[in-house]
Protein backbone atom coordinates (compact mmCIF):
# COMPACT_ATOMS: atom_id res chain seq x y z
CA UNK A 1 -12.94 26.52 -22.83
CA UNK A 2 -9.37 26.82 -21.66
CA UNK A 3 -7.83 29.78 -19.96
CA UNK A 4 -4.36 30.83 -21.00
CA UNK A 5 -2.39 32.94 -18.59
CA UNK A 6 -0.57 35.68 -20.40
CA UNK A 7 2.36 37.71 -19.20
CA UNK A 8 0.19 40.70 -18.38
CA UNK A 9 -2.36 38.76 -16.34
CA UNK A 10 0.09 36.39 -14.66
CA UNK A 11 0.70 38.67 -11.68
CA UNK A 12 -2.82 40.14 -11.62
CA UNK A 13 -4.10 37.59 -9.10
CA UNK A 14 -0.93 37.16 -7.07
CA UNK A 15 -0.76 38.82 -3.65
CA UNK A 16 1.56 41.75 -3.48
CA UNK A 17 3.39 43.31 -0.63
CA UNK A 18 1.87 46.71 0.11
CA UNK A 19 4.12 49.71 0.08
CA UNK A 20 3.89 52.26 2.84
CA UNK A 21 4.29 55.86 1.85
CA UNK A 22 5.70 58.15 4.47
CA UNK A 23 4.01 61.44 4.82
CA UNK A 24 4.89 64.42 6.92
CA UNK A 25 1.32 64.94 8.10
CA UNK A 26 -0.04 63.47 11.30
CA UNK A 27 -1.05 59.85 11.05
CA UNK A 28 -4.46 58.59 12.00
CA UNK A 29 -4.68 56.63 15.24
CA UNK A 30 -4.37 52.88 14.76
CA UNK A 31 -7.49 50.76 15.12
CA UNK A 32 -7.43 48.24 17.97
CA UNK A 33 -6.41 44.72 17.05
CA UNK A 34 -9.23 42.66 15.64
CA UNK A 35 -10.65 40.11 18.02
CA UNK A 36 -11.47 36.61 16.89
CA UNK A 37 -14.59 34.80 17.98
CA UNK A 38 -14.62 31.30 19.27
CA UNK A 39 -17.47 28.98 18.48
CA UNK A 40 -19.82 28.05 21.24
CA UNK A 41 -20.19 24.35 21.69
CA UNK A 42 -23.31 22.67 22.94
CA UNK A 43 -22.92 19.29 24.50
CA UNK A 44 -25.80 16.96 23.87
CA UNK A 45 -26.32 13.85 25.88
CA UNK A 46 -26.16 10.76 23.74
CA UNK A 47 -29.41 8.79 23.71
CA UNK A 48 -29.20 5.70 25.86
CA UNK A 49 -29.93 2.48 24.03
CA UNK A 50 -30.97 -0.60 25.89
CA UNK A 51 -30.01 -3.97 24.55
CA UNK A 52 -32.39 -6.74 25.40
CA UNK A 53 -30.38 -9.63 23.99
CA UNK A 54 -26.62 -9.98 23.94
CA UNK A 55 -25.17 -12.49 21.58
CA UNK A 56 -21.88 -14.02 22.57
CA UNK A 57 -19.47 -15.24 19.99
CA UNK A 58 -17.77 -18.55 20.33
CA UNK A 59 -14.01 -18.35 20.25
CA UNK A 60 -12.55 -19.68 17.06
CA UNK A 61 -9.80 -22.18 17.57
CA UNK A 62 -7.47 -22.71 14.73
CA UNK A 63 -4.75 -25.25 14.60
CA UNK A 64 -1.38 -23.87 13.64
CA UNK A 65 -0.09 -25.04 10.32
CA UNK A 66 2.32 -27.91 10.69
CA UNK A 67 5.86 -26.70 10.41
CA UNK A 68 7.92 -28.97 8.30
CA UNK A 69 11.45 -29.29 9.51
CA UNK A 70 14.10 -29.20 6.87
CA UNK A 71 15.26 -32.70 6.11
CA UNK A 72 18.96 -33.04 6.46
CA UNK A 73 20.60 -34.68 3.49
CA UNK A 74 21.77 -38.19 4.09
CA UNK A 75 25.44 -38.83 3.52
CA UNK A 76 27.49 -41.94 3.02
CA UNK A 77 31.19 -41.94 3.83
CA UNK A 78 33.51 -44.48 2.28
CA UNK A 79 37.03 -45.03 3.53
CA UNK A 80 39.86 -46.71 1.69
CA UNK A 81 42.12 -48.57 4.10
CA UNK A 82 45.48 -50.01 3.11
CA UNK A 83 47.55 -51.82 5.72
CA UNK A 84 45.52 -50.47 8.65
CA UNK A 85 45.84 -46.85 7.50
CA UNK A 86 43.09 -44.64 6.05
CA UNK A 87 44.30 -43.61 2.62
CA UNK A 88 41.19 -41.90 1.24
CA UNK A 89 37.92 -40.69 2.71
CA UNK A 90 35.02 -39.82 0.40
CA UNK A 91 31.57 -38.51 1.40
CA UNK A 92 28.64 -38.71 -1.04
CA UNK A 93 25.05 -37.59 -0.77
CA UNK A 94 22.29 -40.19 -1.04
CA UNK A 95 19.33 -39.54 -3.32
CA UNK A 96 16.40 -38.31 -1.22
CA UNK A 97 13.08 -40.13 -1.25
CA UNK A 98 11.17 -36.93 -2.14
CA UNK A 99 8.18 -37.29 -4.43
CA UNK A 100 8.88 -35.26 -7.56
CA UNK A 101 6.09 -33.85 -9.68
CA UNK A 102 5.81 -35.00 -13.24
CA UNK A 103 6.75 -32.76 -16.14
CA UNK A 104 3.12 -32.61 -17.31
CA UNK A 105 1.87 -31.37 -13.94
CA UNK A 106 4.76 -28.87 -13.82
CA UNK A 107 3.71 -27.47 -17.22
CA UNK A 108 0.05 -27.39 -16.11
CA UNK A 109 1.07 -25.44 -12.99
CA UNK A 110 2.99 -22.90 -15.09
CA UNK A 111 -0.02 -22.49 -17.41
CA UNK A 112 -2.36 -21.94 -14.46
CA UNK A 113 -0.05 -19.34 -12.96
CA UNK A 114 0.22 -17.58 -16.32
CA UNK A 115 -3.58 -17.52 -16.67
CA UNK A 116 -3.90 -16.02 -13.18
CA UNK A 117 -1.27 -13.43 -14.14
CA UNK A 118 -3.18 -12.53 -17.32
CA UNK A 119 -6.43 -12.18 -15.38
CA UNK A 120 -4.82 -9.90 -12.78
CA UNK A 121 -3.29 -7.70 -15.49
CA UNK A 122 -6.70 -7.51 -17.23
CA UNK A 123 -8.33 -6.37 -13.97
CA UNK A 124 -5.54 -3.83 -13.41
CA UNK A 125 -6.09 -2.33 -16.86
CA UNK A 126 -9.85 -2.24 -16.26
CA UNK A 127 -9.34 -0.44 -12.93
CA UNK A 128 -6.93 2.06 -14.51
CA UNK A 129 -9.46 2.81 -17.28
CA UNK A 130 -12.27 3.28 -14.75
CA UNK A 131 -10.08 5.59 -12.66
CA UNK A 132 -9.10 7.62 -15.70
CA UNK A 133 -12.70 8.06 -16.84
CA UNK A 134 -13.79 9.05 -13.32
CA UNK A 135 -11.07 11.69 -13.11
CA UNK A 136 -11.82 12.84 -16.66
CA UNK A 137 -15.54 13.32 -15.99
CA UNK A 138 -14.87 15.06 -12.66
CA UNK A 139 -12.34 17.35 -14.32
CA UNK A 140 -14.85 18.17 -17.06
CA UNK A 141 -17.41 19.21 -14.42
CA UNK A 142 -15.05 21.75 -12.89
CA UNK A 143 -15.01 25.25 -14.30
CA UNK A 144 -11.56 26.67 -14.53
CA UNK A 145 -11.39 30.44 -14.73
């Protein structure tokens, strides 16, 4: 059952500034300021536990991943010489000896990545639905007045 706030009840629960009326009669003496209490704390000694056997962990040694240095492109320079003078100088890149993946394995890699993407989106939607139902049931348990 919902609760609709009308214009008349909108300010009914809001705090209001009190108005002081001045009177010509004598005022009552003010009460002393209210004192606040502080909580008393009790310190308890923590129970002492004895350990009969201590297990030591062996340090884990990991080898750093090999860092591949960028391979500088090989270049070939050709010079055109006419009567002991350099007329033209041309520099060309040489085809690298890198192993290229085949088109079929490239397509298979794209399909695998797409399948992983679809799975992650499916899990995201499932998590969103579970979160929504949890909030919905918790909200239904609350009584709003």
